[in-house]
Amino acid sequence: MLLLDGQSYDVDVLSIKRKAEFLDKYAERTESGDLERELIGVYFNYQLKLAPSTNPTEYDRLWEKLTEAEEFHTVTVP
């Protein structure tokens, strides 16, 4: 089971991975090998691997929530 924006979904999570992406306004190496950069921010991307569902209706409900036109979601994985 997982929680998404306070709603529970009866779908098991097999694994979760997190990746940090660095976004630069510019990044350039000098002749001395130093890196000159202006960092805009660090973004964390998460990947969930879900177990096959025995309840297609529950999986469809989760899919609708994940793909709605919202910028962010709060996910709680036990």
C-alpha atoms as a PDB file:
ATOM      1  CA  MET A   1       0.000   0.000   0.000  1.00  0.00           C
ATOM      2  CA  LEU A   2       1.143   3.565  -0.627  1.00  0.00           C
ATOM      3  CA  LEU A   3      -0.219   7.021   0.127  1.00  0.00           C
ATOM      4  CA  LEU A   4      -0.424   9.652  -2.600  1.00  0.00           C
ATOM      5  CA  ASP A   5      -1.549  13.129  -1.554  1.00  0.00           C
ATOM      6  CA  GLY A   6      -3.204  11.631   1.530  1.00  0.00           C
ATOM      7  CA  GLN A   7      -5.168   8.979  -0.391  1.00  0.00           C
ATOM      8  CA  SER A   8      -4.302   5.306   0.093  1.00  0.00           C
ATOM      9  CA  TYR A   9      -3.845   2.915  -2.833  1.00  0.00           C
ATOM     10  CA  ASP A  10      -3.728  -0.850  -2.470  1.00  0.00           C
ATOM     11  CA  VAL A  11      -0.698  -1.222  -4.753  1.00  0.00           C
ATOM     12  CA  ASP A  12       2.578  -2.628  -3.427  1.00  0.00           C
ATOM     13  CA  VAL A  13       5.919  -0.907  -4.084  1.00  0.00           C
ATOM     14  CA  LEU A  14       8.738  -3.287  -5.064  1.00  0.00           C
ATOM     15  CA  SER A  15      11.522  -0.696  -5.072  1.00  0.00           C
ATOM     16  CA  ILE A  16      12.245   3.021  -4.980  1.00  0.00           C
ATOM     17  CA  LYS A  17      15.224   4.865  -6.485  1.00  0.00           C
ATOM     18  CA  ARG A  18      16.290   8.496  -6.121  1.00  0.00           C
ATOM     19  CA  LYS A  19      18.493  10.440  -8.520  1.00  0.00           C
ATOM     20  CA  ALA A  20      19.874  13.991  -8.138  1.00  0.00           C
ATOM     21  CA  GLU A  21      20.019  16.177 -11.250  1.00  0.00           C
ATOM     22  CA  PHE A  22      22.085  19.390 -11.215  1.00  0.00           C
ATOM     23  CA  LEU A  23      20.796  22.170 -13.447  1.00  0.00           C
ATOM     24  CA  ASP A  24      23.314  24.828 -14.452  1.00  0.00           C
ATOM     25  CA  LYS A  25      22.687  28.250 -15.939  1.00  0.00           C
ATOM     26  CA  TYR A  26      26.156  27.790 -17.417  1.00  0.00           C
ATOM     27  CA  ALA A  27      29.134  25.493 -16.827  1.00  0.00           C
ATOM     28  CA  GLU A  28      32.504  25.920 -18.484  1.00  0.00           C
ATOM     29  CA  ARG A  29      36.010  24.549 -17.944  1.00  0.00           C
ATOM     30  CA  THR A  30      38.901  26.996 -17.921  1.00  0.00           C
ATOM     31  CA  GLU A  31      42.303  26.212 -19.453  1.00  0.00           C
ATOM     32  CA  SER A  32      43.587  25.418 -15.948  1.00  0.00           C
ATOM     33  CA  GLY A  33      40.906  22.738 -15.586  1.00  0.00           C
ATOM     34  CA  ASP A  34      38.752  24.605 -13.079  1.00  0.00           C
ATOM     35  CA  LEU A  35      35.002  24.481 -13.537  1.00  0.00           C
ATOM     36  CA  GLU A  36      33.186  27.795 -13.582  1.00  0.00           C
ATOM     37  CA  ARG A  37      29.468  27.366 -13.191  1.00  0.00           C
ATOM     38  CA  GLU A  38      26.307  28.976 -11.983  1.00  0.00           C
ATOM     39  CA  LEU A  39      24.021  26.396 -10.455  1.00  0.00           C
ATOM     40  CA  ILE A  40      20.282  27.011 -10.787  1.00  0.00           C
ATOM     41  CA  GLY A  41      19.255  24.138  -8.542  1.00  0.00           C
ATOM     42  CA  VAL A  42      19.327  20.470  -7.659  1.00  0.00           C
ATOM     43  CA  TYR A  43      16.298  18.373  -8.538  1.00  0.00           C
ATOM     44  CA  PHE A  44      15.492  14.978  -7.065  1.00  0.00           C
ATOM     45  CA  ASN A  45      13.738  12.485  -9.315  1.00  0.00           C
ATOM     46  CA  TYR A  46      12.174   9.343  -7.884  1.00  0.00           C
ATOM     47  CA  GLN A  47      11.364   6.084  -9.616  1.00  0.00           C
ATOM     48  CA  LEU A  48       8.900   3.631  -8.102  1.00  0.00           C
ATOM     49  CA  LYS A  49       8.632   0.047  -9.265  1.00  0.00           C
ATOM     50  CA  LEU A  50       5.125  -1.211  -8.546  1.00  0.00           C
ATOM     51  CA  ALA A  51       4.068  -4.812  -8.064  1.00  0.00           C
ATOM     52  CA  PRO A  52       1.621  -6.319 -10.545  1.00  0.00           C
ATOM     53  CA  SER A  53      -1.859  -5.517  -9.338  1.00  0.00           C
ATOM     54  CA  THR A  54      -4.540  -8.094  -8.687  1.00  0.00           C
ATOM     55  CA  ASN A  55      -7.059  -5.250  -8.703  1.00  0.00           C
ATOM     56  CA  PRO A  56      -7.094  -3.415 -12.071  1.00  0.00           C
ATOM     57  CA  THR A  57      -9.564  -0.821 -10.756  1.00  0.00           C
ATOM     58  CA  GLU A  58      -7.176   0.184  -7.958  1.00  0.00           C
ATOM     59  CA  TYR A  59      -4.233   0.403 -10.361  1.00  0.00           C
ATOM     60  CA  ASP A  60      -6.316   2.557 -12.759  1.00  0.00           C
ATOM     61  CA  ARG A  61      -7.251   4.858  -9.865  1.00  0.00           C
ATOM     62  CA  LEU A  62      -3.560   5.238  -8.981  1.00  0.00           C
ATOM     63  CA  TRP A  63      -2.632   5.872 -12.618  1.00  0.00           C
ATOM     64  CA  GLU A  64      -5.263   8.620 -12.902  1.00  0.00           C
ATOM     65  CA  LYS A  65      -3.851  10.321  -9.798  1.00  0.00           C
ATOM     66  CA  LEU A  66      -0.228  10.055 -10.968  1.00  0.00           C
ATOM     67  CA  THR A  67      -0.994  11.488 -14.408  1.00  0.00           C
ATOM     68  CA  GLU A  68      -3.266  14.364 -13.371  1.00  0.00           C
ATOM     69  CA  ALA A  69      -2.201  17.910 -14.228  1.00  0.00           C
ATOM     70  CA  GLU A  70      -0.491  18.608 -10.898  1.00  0.00           C
ATOM     71  CA  GLU A  71       3.041  19.908 -10.570  1.00  0.00           C
ATOM     72  CA  PHE A  72       3.903  17.940  -7.405  1.00  0.00           C
ATOM     73  CA  HIS A  73       2.597  15.019  -5.358  1.00  0.00           C
ATOM     74  CA  THR A  74       3.366  13.850  -1.840  1.00  0.00           C
ATOM     75  CA  VAL A  75       4.091  10.119  -1.765  1.00  0.00           C
ATOM     76  CA  THR A  76       4.435   8.037   1.393  1.00  0.00           C
ATOM     77  CA  VAL A  77       5.803   4.527   1.040  1.00  0.00           C
ATOM     78  CA  PRO A  78       5.733   2.262   4.115  1.00  0.00           C
END
